[in-house]
């Protein structure tokens, strides 16, 4: 990747297709070998559009996110909900970067933007997210960013199967100014 800076812009309902497309690409890479092949190779785009349309259409002032662009092209996004848990704080519901842009600092940039926004508006400190146990690349990334695995559950995934997931948490809002 060249040295052109990555820009972030706030997610809105107008970004529905971009968000769903990025989500599909990320899942097909990161969840290969975790979620079923039939699900990942099925009509995942329609599925993600069906998930994101109501979410983006009904965003409240407690939900926010950013799309990362490199050379004008969308390469990742983050979406979060403030004060989702009095113990853990803001839920980072999604953090996805295209595989071709892994290692370029985009994930950390998105996570930092989420943390700054939450720090300014949240009542409860901290950030948390859920990560499939088998998603070792993401788990290592979150640990490098200072998160700790604090709880494990079995999660009913969208492919109809149950998988172990870890709650990763930052007990204080990371990267806060």
N, C-alpha and C. Protein backbone atom coordinates (compact mmCIF):
# COMPACT_ATOMS: atom_id res chain seq x y z
N UNK A 1 0.86 -1.18 0.00
CA UNK A 1 0.00 0.00 0.00
C UNK A 1 0.90 1.23 0.00
N UNK A 2 0.55 2.25 -0.80
CA UNK A 2 1.37 3.45 -0.84
C UNK A 2 1.10 4.32 0.38
N UNK A 3 1.73 5.45 0.44
CA UNK A 3 1.67 6.30 1.63
C UNK A 3 0.52 7.31 1.62
N UNK A 4 -0.43 7.17 0.71
CA UNK A 4 -1.59 8.06 0.71
C UNK A 4 -2.32 7.88 2.04
N UNK A 5 -2.66 9.00 2.70
CA UNK A 5 -3.32 8.85 4.01
C UNK A 5 -4.70 8.21 3.90
N UNK A 6 -5.05 7.55 4.96
CA UNK A 6 -6.39 6.98 5.09
C UNK A 6 -7.28 8.05 5.70
N UNK A 7 -8.46 8.22 5.14
CA UNK A 7 -9.42 9.19 5.68
C UNK A 7 -10.59 8.43 6.29
N UNK A 8 -11.20 9.04 7.29
CA UNK A 8 -12.38 8.47 7.93
C UNK A 8 -13.55 9.41 7.73
N UNK A 9 -14.71 8.86 7.48
CA UNK A 9 -15.92 9.69 7.49
C UNK A 9 -17.01 8.93 8.23
N UNK A 10 -17.90 9.70 8.85
CA UNK A 10 -18.97 9.12 9.65
C UNK A 10 -19.90 8.28 8.79
N UNK A 11 -20.30 7.15 9.31
CA UNK A 11 -21.25 6.27 8.62
C UNK A 11 -22.65 6.88 8.67
N UNK A 12 -23.34 6.75 7.56
CA UNK A 12 -24.76 7.13 7.50
C UNK A 12 -25.50 6.07 6.69
N UNK A 13 -26.80 6.19 6.61
CA UNK A 13 -27.61 5.24 5.85
C UNK A 13 -27.20 5.25 4.37
N UNK A 14 -26.65 6.34 3.88
CA UNK A 14 -26.19 6.40 2.49
C UNK A 14 -25.03 5.44 2.22
N UNK A 15 -24.40 4.96 3.28
CA UNK A 15 -23.26 4.04 3.15
C UNK A 15 -23.66 2.57 3.22
N UNK A 16 -24.94 2.29 3.14
CA UNK A 16 -25.43 0.92 3.31
C UNK A 16 -24.70 -0.08 2.42
N UNK A 17 -24.62 0.18 1.13
CA UNK A 17 -23.98 -0.77 0.21
C UNK A 17 -22.50 -0.94 0.52
N UNK A 18 -21.83 0.15 0.86
CA UNK A 18 -20.40 0.10 1.18
C UNK A 18 -20.17 -0.75 2.42
N UNK A 19 -20.94 -0.49 3.47
CA UNK A 19 -20.79 -1.23 4.73
C UNK A 19 -21.06 -2.71 4.51
N UNK A 20 -22.15 -3.05 3.84
CA UNK A 20 -22.48 -4.45 3.61
C UNK A 20 -21.42 -5.16 2.77
N UNK A 21 -20.91 -4.48 1.76
CA UNK A 21 -19.87 -5.07 0.91
C UNK A 21 -18.58 -5.30 1.67
N UNK A 22 -18.15 -4.31 2.47
CA UNK A 22 -16.95 -4.48 3.30
C UNK A 22 -17.15 -5.61 4.31
N UNK A 23 -18.33 -5.66 4.90
CA UNK A 23 -18.63 -6.70 5.88
C UNK A 23 -18.50 -8.09 5.25
N UNK A 24 -19.06 -8.26 4.06
CA UNK A 24 -18.95 -9.55 3.35
C UNK A 24 -17.50 -9.93 3.09
N UNK A 25 -16.75 -9.00 2.54
CA UNK A 25 -15.35 -9.29 2.20
C UNK A 25 -14.56 -9.67 3.45
N UNK A 26 -14.79 -8.96 4.52
CA UNK A 26 -14.08 -9.25 5.77
C UNK A 26 -14.47 -10.62 6.30
N UNK A 27 -15.76 -10.91 6.36
CA UNK A 27 -16.21 -12.20 6.87
C UNK A 27 -15.69 -13.36 6.02
N UNK A 28 -15.73 -13.20 4.71
CA UNK A 28 -15.28 -14.30 3.84
C UNK A 28 -13.80 -14.60 4.02
N UNK A 29 -13.05 -13.62 4.48
CA UNK A 29 -11.64 -13.85 4.76
C UNK A 29 -11.44 -14.31 6.21
N UNK A 30 -11.89 -13.51 7.15
CA UNK A 30 -11.61 -13.76 8.57
C UNK A 30 -12.33 -14.99 9.11
N UNK A 31 -13.51 -15.30 8.59
CA UNK A 31 -14.31 -16.38 9.16
C UNK A 31 -14.25 -17.67 8.37
N UNK A 32 -13.36 -17.72 7.37
CA UNK A 32 -13.15 -18.96 6.62
C UNK A 32 -12.61 -19.99 7.60
N UNK A 33 -13.26 -21.15 7.67
CA UNK A 33 -12.84 -22.17 8.62
C UNK A 33 -13.49 -22.00 9.99
N UNK A 34 -14.26 -20.93 10.17
CA UNK A 34 -15.01 -20.73 11.42
C UNK A 34 -16.49 -20.91 11.12
N UNK A 35 -17.06 -20.00 10.35
CA UNK A 35 -18.45 -20.14 9.92
C UNK A 35 -18.50 -21.14 8.76
N UNK A 36 -19.68 -21.71 8.53
CA UNK A 36 -19.80 -22.73 7.50
C UNK A 36 -19.51 -22.14 6.11
N UNK A 37 -18.92 -22.98 5.26
CA UNK A 37 -18.63 -22.58 3.88
C UNK A 37 -19.91 -22.24 3.13
N UNK A 38 -20.96 -23.03 3.37
CA UNK A 38 -22.24 -22.78 2.68
C UNK A 38 -22.76 -21.39 3.01
N UNK A 39 -22.64 -20.98 4.25
CA UNK A 39 -23.10 -19.65 4.65
C UNK A 39 -22.22 -18.57 4.01
N UNK A 40 -20.92 -18.72 4.11
CA UNK A 40 -20.00 -17.70 3.58
C UNK A 40 -20.09 -17.57 2.06
N UNK A 41 -20.34 -18.66 1.38
CA UNK A 41 -20.41 -18.63 -0.08
C UNK A 41 -21.83 -18.43 -0.60
N UNK A 42 -22.81 -18.38 0.30
CA UNK A 42 -24.19 -18.13 -0.10
C UNK A 42 -24.41 -16.66 -0.39
N UNK A 43 -25.63 -16.23 -0.31
CA UNK A 43 -25.97 -14.83 -0.61
C UNK A 43 -25.70 -13.96 0.61
N UNK A 44 -24.44 -13.88 0.97
CA UNK A 44 -24.01 -13.14 2.15
C UNK A 44 -24.27 -11.64 2.00
N UNK A 45 -24.15 -11.11 0.80
CA UNK A 45 -24.40 -9.69 0.61
C UNK A 45 -25.84 -9.33 0.95
N UNK A 46 -26.80 -10.09 0.46
CA UNK A 46 -28.20 -9.81 0.81
C UNK A 46 -28.40 -9.92 2.32
N UNK A 47 -27.79 -10.91 2.92
CA UNK A 47 -27.88 -11.08 4.37
C UNK A 47 -27.35 -9.85 5.10
N UNK A 48 -26.20 -9.38 4.70
CA UNK A 48 -25.59 -8.21 5.36
C UNK A 48 -26.39 -6.94 5.07
N UNK A 49 -26.94 -6.80 3.87
CA UNK A 49 -27.82 -5.66 3.57
C UNK A 49 -29.05 -5.68 4.47
N UNK A 50 -29.59 -6.88 4.69
CA UNK A 50 -30.76 -7.02 5.55
C UNK A 50 -30.44 -6.69 7.00
N UNK A 51 -29.23 -6.94 7.42
CA UNK A 51 -28.81 -6.59 8.78
C UNK A 51 -28.55 -5.09 8.91
N UNK A 52 -27.84 -4.54 7.93
CA UNK A 52 -27.40 -3.14 8.04
C UNK A 52 -28.49 -2.12 7.72
N UNK A 53 -29.42 -2.44 6.86
CA UNK A 53 -30.43 -1.44 6.49
C UNK A 53 -31.20 -0.95 7.71
N UNK A 54 -31.80 -1.81 8.53
CA UNK A 54 -32.51 -1.28 9.71
C UNK A 54 -31.57 -0.63 10.72
N UNK A 55 -30.36 -1.16 10.84
CA UNK A 55 -29.40 -0.61 11.80
C UNK A 55 -29.01 0.82 11.43
N UNK A 56 -28.70 1.04 10.16
CA UNK A 56 -28.29 2.39 9.72
C UNK A 56 -29.47 3.33 9.58
N UNK A 57 -30.62 2.80 9.21
CA UNK A 57 -31.82 3.63 9.05
C UNK A 57 -32.33 4.17 10.38
N UNK A 58 -32.09 3.42 11.43
CA UNK A 58 -32.63 3.79 12.75
C UNK A 58 -31.53 4.15 13.75
N UNK A 59 -30.39 4.62 13.24
CA UNK A 59 -29.30 4.99 14.15
C UNK A 59 -29.77 6.05 15.12
N UNK A 60 -29.36 5.88 16.37
CA UNK A 60 -29.66 6.87 17.40
C UNK A 60 -28.40 7.69 17.67
N UNK A 61 -28.50 8.65 18.56
CA UNK A 61 -27.31 9.44 18.91
C UNK A 61 -26.34 8.62 19.77
N UNK A 62 -26.69 7.38 20.11
CA UNK A 62 -25.82 6.49 20.88
C UNK A 62 -25.10 5.49 19.99
N UNK A 63 -25.35 5.55 18.68
CA UNK A 63 -24.70 4.66 17.72
C UNK A 63 -23.90 5.50 16.74
N UNK A 64 -22.76 4.98 16.35
CA UNK A 64 -21.88 5.75 15.46
C UNK A 64 -20.89 4.82 14.80
N UNK A 65 -20.25 5.33 13.79
CA UNK A 65 -19.21 4.55 13.14
C UNK A 65 -18.51 5.36 12.07
N UNK A 66 -17.47 4.76 11.53
CA UNK A 66 -16.68 5.40 10.48
C UNK A 66 -16.35 4.41 9.38
N UNK A 67 -16.22 4.95 8.20
CA UNK A 67 -15.68 4.20 7.06
C UNK A 67 -14.29 4.75 6.79
N UNK A 68 -13.34 3.84 6.65
CA UNK A 68 -11.97 4.21 6.30
C UNK A 68 -11.81 4.09 4.79
N UNK A 69 -11.21 5.12 4.21
CA UNK A 69 -10.95 5.12 2.77
C UNK A 69 -9.47 5.35 2.52
N UNK A 70 -8.96 4.61 1.54
CA UNK A 70 -7.58 4.78 1.09
C UNK A 70 -7.64 5.07 -0.40
N UNK A 71 -7.06 6.17 -0.82
CA UNK A 71 -7.16 6.61 -2.22
C UNK A 71 -8.62 6.68 -2.67
N UNK A 72 -9.50 7.07 -1.75
CA UNK A 72 -10.92 7.23 -2.06
C UNK A 72 -11.73 5.95 -2.02
N UNK A 73 -11.06 4.81 -1.93
CA UNK A 73 -11.75 3.52 -1.93
C UNK A 73 -12.00 3.05 -0.49
N UNK A 74 -13.20 2.55 -0.20
CA UNK A 74 -13.48 2.04 1.16
C UNK A 74 -12.65 0.79 1.44
N UNK A 75 -11.97 0.79 2.60
CA UNK A 75 -11.11 -0.33 2.96
C UNK A 75 -11.43 -0.90 4.34
N UNK A 76 -12.32 -0.25 5.08
CA UNK A 76 -12.69 -0.77 6.40
C UNK A 76 -13.76 0.08 7.03
N UNK A 77 -14.32 -0.44 8.12
CA UNK A 77 -15.30 0.34 8.87
C UNK A 77 -15.37 -0.15 10.31
N UNK A 78 -15.89 0.72 11.15
CA UNK A 78 -16.18 0.38 12.54
C UNK A 78 -17.56 0.93 12.88
N UNK A 79 -18.25 0.22 13.76
CA UNK A 79 -19.57 0.66 14.21
C UNK A 79 -19.68 0.33 15.69
N UNK A 80 -20.22 1.25 16.48
CA UNK A 80 -20.26 1.06 17.93
C UNK A 80 -21.54 1.64 18.52
N UNK A 81 -21.85 1.20 19.74
CA UNK A 81 -23.00 1.69 20.49
C UNK A 81 -22.54 2.08 21.89
N UNK A 82 -22.77 3.32 22.23
CA UNK A 82 -22.33 3.88 23.51
C UNK A 82 -23.15 3.30 24.67
N UNK A 83 -22.45 3.07 25.79
CA UNK A 83 -23.08 2.66 27.05
C UNK A 83 -23.95 1.42 26.92
N UNK A 84 -23.46 0.42 26.24
CA UNK A 84 -24.23 -0.82 26.09
C UNK A 84 -24.17 -1.70 27.32
N UNK A 85 -23.22 -1.44 28.20
CA UNK A 85 -23.09 -2.26 29.40
C UNK A 85 -22.49 -1.40 30.52
N UNK A 86 -23.14 -1.38 31.69
CA UNK A 86 -22.63 -0.53 32.77
C UNK A 86 -21.25 -0.96 33.28
N UNK A 87 -20.90 -2.23 33.10
CA UNK A 87 -19.58 -2.70 33.52
C UNK A 87 -18.53 -2.47 32.44
N UNK A 88 -18.88 -2.74 31.18
CA UNK A 88 -17.89 -2.76 30.10
C UNK A 88 -17.94 -1.53 29.19
N UNK A 89 -18.99 -0.74 29.23
CA UNK A 89 -19.03 0.50 28.47
C UNK A 89 -19.59 0.37 27.07
N UNK A 90 -18.86 0.91 26.12
CA UNK A 90 -19.29 1.00 24.72
C UNK A 90 -18.98 -0.29 23.97
N UNK A 91 -19.99 -0.78 23.25
CA UNK A 91 -19.83 -1.99 22.44
C UNK A 91 -19.27 -1.62 21.06
N UNK A 92 -18.14 -2.18 20.72
CA UNK A 92 -17.61 -2.09 19.35
C UNK A 92 -18.25 -3.27 18.63
N UNK A 93 -19.35 -2.98 17.96
CA UNK A 93 -20.17 -4.02 17.34
C UNK A 93 -19.52 -4.58 16.09
N UNK A 94 -18.77 -3.77 15.39
CA UNK A 94 -18.09 -4.21 14.17
C UNK A 94 -16.79 -3.44 13.99
N UNK A 95 -15.75 -4.16 13.59
CA UNK A 95 -14.47 -3.56 13.20
C UNK A 95 -13.92 -4.47 12.11
N UNK A 96 -13.91 -3.96 10.89
CA UNK A 96 -13.51 -4.77 9.74
C UNK A 96 -12.59 -3.97 8.83
N UNK A 97 -11.53 -4.64 8.37
CA UNK A 97 -10.60 -4.06 7.40
C UNK A 97 -10.39 -5.10 6.31
N UNK A 98 -10.41 -4.65 5.07
CA UNK A 98 -10.18 -5.58 3.96
C UNK A 98 -8.84 -6.29 4.16
N UNK A 99 -8.78 -7.58 3.85
CA UNK A 99 -7.53 -8.33 4.03
C UNK A 99 -6.34 -7.69 3.32
N UNK A 100 -6.57 -7.07 2.18
CA UNK A 100 -5.48 -6.44 1.43
C UNK A 100 -4.88 -5.24 2.15
N UNK A 101 -5.54 -4.78 3.21
CA UNK A 101 -5.06 -3.61 3.95
C UNK A 101 -4.71 -3.93 5.40
N UNK A 102 -4.67 -5.23 5.74
CA UNK A 102 -4.25 -5.61 7.09
C UNK A 102 -2.81 -5.16 7.32
N UNK A 103 -2.52 -4.77 8.52
CA UNK A 103 -1.16 -4.38 8.89
C UNK A 103 -0.79 -2.95 8.56
N UNK A 104 -1.73 -2.17 8.03
CA UNK A 104 -1.45 -0.79 7.62
C UNK A 104 -1.87 0.22 8.68
N UNK A 105 -2.34 -0.23 9.83
CA UNK A 105 -2.76 0.68 10.89
C UNK A 105 -4.20 1.14 10.79
N UNK A 106 -4.95 0.62 9.84
CA UNK A 106 -6.33 1.07 9.63
C UNK A 106 -7.22 0.60 10.78
N UNK A 107 -7.07 -0.64 11.21
CA UNK A 107 -7.85 -1.14 12.33
C UNK A 107 -7.60 -0.34 13.59
N UNK A 108 -6.35 -0.06 13.86
CA UNK A 108 -6.02 0.75 15.04
C UNK A 108 -6.59 2.15 14.90
N UNK A 109 -6.53 2.73 13.70
CA UNK A 109 -7.09 4.06 13.48
C UNK A 109 -8.60 4.08 13.71
N UNK A 110 -9.29 3.07 13.22
CA UNK A 110 -10.73 2.99 13.44
C UNK A 110 -11.05 2.80 14.92
N UNK A 111 -10.30 1.93 15.58
CA UNK A 111 -10.52 1.69 17.00
C UNK A 111 -10.24 2.95 17.82
N UNK A 112 -9.22 3.68 17.44
CA UNK A 112 -8.90 4.94 18.13
C UNK A 112 -10.02 5.96 17.94
N UNK A 113 -10.56 6.05 16.73
CA UNK A 113 -11.66 6.98 16.47
C UNK A 113 -12.89 6.61 17.31
N UNK A 114 -13.18 5.32 17.39
CA UNK A 114 -14.29 4.86 18.23
C UNK A 114 -14.04 5.25 19.68
N UNK A 115 -12.83 4.99 20.16
CA UNK A 115 -12.50 5.28 21.57
C UNK A 115 -12.63 6.77 21.87
N UNK A 116 -12.15 7.62 20.99
CA UNK A 116 -12.24 9.08 21.21
C UNK A 116 -13.69 9.53 21.26
N UNK A 117 -14.49 9.06 20.32
CA UNK A 117 -15.90 9.45 20.27
C UNK A 117 -16.62 8.97 21.53
N UNK A 118 -16.38 7.73 21.94
CA UNK A 118 -17.02 7.18 23.14
C UNK A 118 -16.56 7.93 24.38
N UNK A 119 -15.29 8.25 24.45
CA UNK A 119 -14.75 8.95 25.61
C UNK A 119 -15.47 10.29 25.83
N UNK A 120 -15.80 10.97 24.75
CA UNK A 120 -16.46 12.27 24.83
C UNK A 120 -17.94 12.17 25.23
N UNK A 121 -18.58 11.01 24.99
CA UNK A 121 -20.04 10.92 25.13
C UNK A 121 -20.55 9.87 26.12
N UNK A 122 -19.73 8.90 26.46
CA UNK A 122 -20.21 7.77 27.26
C UNK A 122 -20.29 8.10 28.74
N UNK A 123 -21.24 7.49 29.40
CA UNK A 123 -21.36 7.54 30.85
C UNK A 123 -20.45 6.49 31.47
N UNK A 124 -20.44 5.30 30.86
CA UNK A 124 -19.64 4.18 31.38
C UNK A 124 -18.30 4.12 30.65
N UNK A 125 -17.20 4.08 31.38
CA UNK A 125 -15.90 4.00 30.71
C UNK A 125 -15.66 2.62 30.11
N UNK A 126 -14.78 2.56 29.17
CA UNK A 126 -14.35 1.30 28.60
C UNK A 126 -15.01 0.99 27.27
N UNK A 127 -14.39 0.03 26.60
CA UNK A 127 -14.89 -0.51 25.33
C UNK A 127 -14.88 -2.02 25.45
N UNK A 128 -15.78 -2.66 24.70
CA UNK A 128 -15.72 -4.12 24.62
C UNK A 128 -16.25 -4.58 23.28
N UNK A 129 -15.93 -5.81 22.95
CA UNK A 129 -16.40 -6.44 21.73
C UNK A 129 -16.40 -7.95 21.94
N UNK A 130 -17.03 -8.64 21.01
CA UNK A 130 -17.05 -10.09 21.03
C UNK A 130 -16.25 -10.60 19.83
N UNK A 131 -15.49 -11.67 20.05
CA UNK A 131 -14.64 -12.22 19.00
C UNK A 131 -14.68 -13.75 19.06
N UNK A 132 -14.90 -14.37 17.90
CA UNK A 132 -14.87 -15.83 17.85
C UNK A 132 -13.54 -16.34 18.38
N UNK A 133 -13.60 -17.39 19.19
CA UNK A 133 -12.39 -17.98 19.74
C UNK A 133 -11.41 -18.38 18.64
N UNK A 134 -11.93 -18.91 17.53
CA UNK A 134 -11.07 -19.37 16.44
C UNK A 134 -10.48 -18.23 15.61
N UNK A 135 -10.92 -17.01 15.81
CA UNK A 135 -10.41 -15.88 15.04
C UNK A 135 -9.13 -15.37 15.71
N UNK A 136 -8.09 -16.17 15.59
CA UNK A 136 -6.84 -15.89 16.30
C UNK A 136 -6.16 -14.61 15.82
N UNK A 137 -6.29 -14.29 14.56
CA UNK A 137 -5.69 -13.05 14.05
C UNK A 137 -6.31 -11.83 14.74
N UNK A 138 -7.64 -11.78 14.81
CA UNK A 138 -8.32 -10.65 15.46
C UNK A 138 -8.00 -10.63 16.95
N UNK A 139 -8.03 -11.79 17.59
CA UNK A 139 -7.74 -11.84 19.02
C UNK A 139 -6.35 -11.29 19.32
N UNK A 140 -5.37 -11.66 18.50
CA UNK A 140 -4.01 -11.15 18.70
C UNK A 140 -3.97 -9.63 18.49
N UNK A 141 -4.72 -9.14 17.50
CA UNK A 141 -4.79 -7.69 17.26
C UNK A 141 -5.34 -6.97 18.49
N UNK A 142 -6.46 -7.45 19.03
CA UNK A 142 -7.07 -6.79 20.19
C UNK A 142 -6.13 -6.83 21.39
N UNK A 143 -5.46 -7.93 21.58
CA UNK A 143 -4.50 -8.03 22.69
C UNK A 143 -3.35 -7.06 22.50
N UNK A 144 -2.87 -6.89 21.27
CA UNK A 144 -1.80 -5.90 21.02
C UNK A 144 -2.29 -4.48 21.30
N UNK A 145 -3.60 -4.26 21.17
CA UNK A 145 -4.16 -2.93 21.43
C UNK A 145 -4.51 -2.74 22.91
N UNK A 146 -4.19 -3.73 23.74
CA UNK A 146 -4.38 -3.59 25.18
C UNK A 146 -5.66 -4.19 25.75
N UNK A 147 -6.43 -4.88 24.93
CA UNK A 147 -7.66 -5.52 25.43
C UNK A 147 -7.31 -6.82 26.13
N UNK A 148 -8.19 -7.22 27.03
CA UNK A 148 -8.02 -8.52 27.66
C UNK A 148 -9.28 -9.35 27.48
N UNK A 149 -9.10 -10.66 27.32
CA UNK A 149 -10.22 -11.60 27.22
C UNK A 149 -10.76 -11.79 28.63
N UNK A 150 -12.04 -11.40 28.85
CA UNK A 150 -12.58 -11.40 30.21
C UNK A 150 -13.73 -12.38 30.41
N UNK A 151 -14.29 -12.91 29.33
CA UNK A 151 -15.44 -13.79 29.48
C UNK A 151 -15.64 -14.57 28.20
N UNK A 152 -16.02 -15.84 28.34
CA UNK A 152 -16.31 -16.66 27.17
C UNK A 152 -17.76 -17.11 27.21
N UNK A 153 -18.41 -17.12 26.04
CA UNK A 153 -19.79 -17.60 25.90
C UNK A 153 -19.87 -18.51 24.68
N UNK A 154 -20.98 -19.21 24.54
CA UNK A 154 -21.31 -19.88 23.29
C UNK A 154 -22.31 -18.98 22.58
N UNK A 155 -22.03 -18.69 21.31
CA UNK A 155 -22.81 -17.73 20.53
C UNK A 155 -23.52 -18.45 19.40
N UNK A 156 -24.80 -18.15 19.23
CA UNK A 156 -25.58 -18.67 18.10
C UNK A 156 -25.28 -17.80 16.89
N UNK A 157 -24.42 -18.29 16.02
CA UNK A 157 -23.94 -17.53 14.87
C UNK A 157 -24.99 -17.50 13.75
N UNK A 158 -24.85 -16.57 12.81
CA UNK A 158 -25.83 -16.45 11.73
C UNK A 158 -25.87 -17.65 10.79
N UNK A 159 -24.87 -18.54 10.86
CA UNK A 159 -24.92 -19.74 10.01
C UNK A 159 -25.70 -20.88 10.67
N UNK A 160 -26.28 -20.61 11.84
CA UNK A 160 -27.10 -21.60 12.53
C UNK A 160 -26.34 -22.49 13.50
N UNK A 161 -25.04 -22.29 13.61
CA UNK A 161 -24.21 -23.09 14.50
C UNK A 161 -23.88 -22.31 15.77
N UNK A 162 -23.37 -23.01 16.77
CA UNK A 162 -22.93 -22.38 18.02
C UNK A 162 -21.41 -22.40 18.06
N UNK A 163 -20.83 -21.25 18.42
CA UNK A 163 -19.38 -21.12 18.47
C UNK A 163 -18.95 -20.40 19.75
N UNK A 164 -17.80 -20.78 20.31
CA UNK A 164 -17.31 -20.02 21.47
C UNK A 164 -16.81 -18.64 21.03
N UNK A 165 -17.18 -17.65 21.82
CA UNK A 165 -16.73 -16.27 21.61
C UNK A 165 -16.15 -15.75 22.92
N UNK A 166 -15.23 -14.82 22.78
CA UNK A 166 -14.64 -14.13 23.92
C UNK A 166 -15.07 -12.67 23.94
N UNK A 167 -15.39 -12.21 25.14
CA UNK A 167 -15.56 -10.76 25.33
C UNK A 167 -14.16 -10.20 25.55
N UNK A 168 -13.77 -9.29 24.68
CA UNK A 168 -12.52 -8.55 24.86
C UNK A 168 -12.89 -7.18 25.38
N UNK A 169 -12.16 -6.72 26.39
CA UNK A 169 -12.52 -5.45 27.02
C UNK A 169 -11.28 -4.62 27.32
N UNK A 170 -11.52 -3.33 27.21
CA UNK A 170 -10.60 -2.31 27.71
C UNK A 170 -11.35 -1.68 28.87
N UNK A 171 -10.85 -1.82 30.08
CA UNK A 171 -11.59 -1.38 31.27
C UNK A 171 -11.71 0.15 31.35
N UNK A 172 -10.79 0.83 30.75
CA UNK A 172 -10.92 2.27 30.58
C UNK A 172 -10.95 2.52 29.09
N UNK A 173 -11.38 3.66 28.68
CA UNK A 173 -11.46 3.92 27.24
C UNK A 173 -10.04 4.06 26.70
N UNK A 174 -9.62 3.14 25.82
CA UNK A 174 -8.25 3.18 25.31
C UNK A 174 -8.04 4.35 24.36
N UNK A 175 -6.81 4.76 24.27
CA UNK A 175 -6.40 5.79 23.31
C UNK A 175 -7.10 7.12 23.54
N UNK A 176 -7.77 7.29 24.69
CA UNK A 176 -8.50 8.53 24.94
C UNK A 176 -7.51 9.68 25.05
N UNK A 177 -7.95 10.85 24.57
CA UNK A 177 -7.05 12.01 24.60
C UNK A 177 -6.74 12.45 26.03
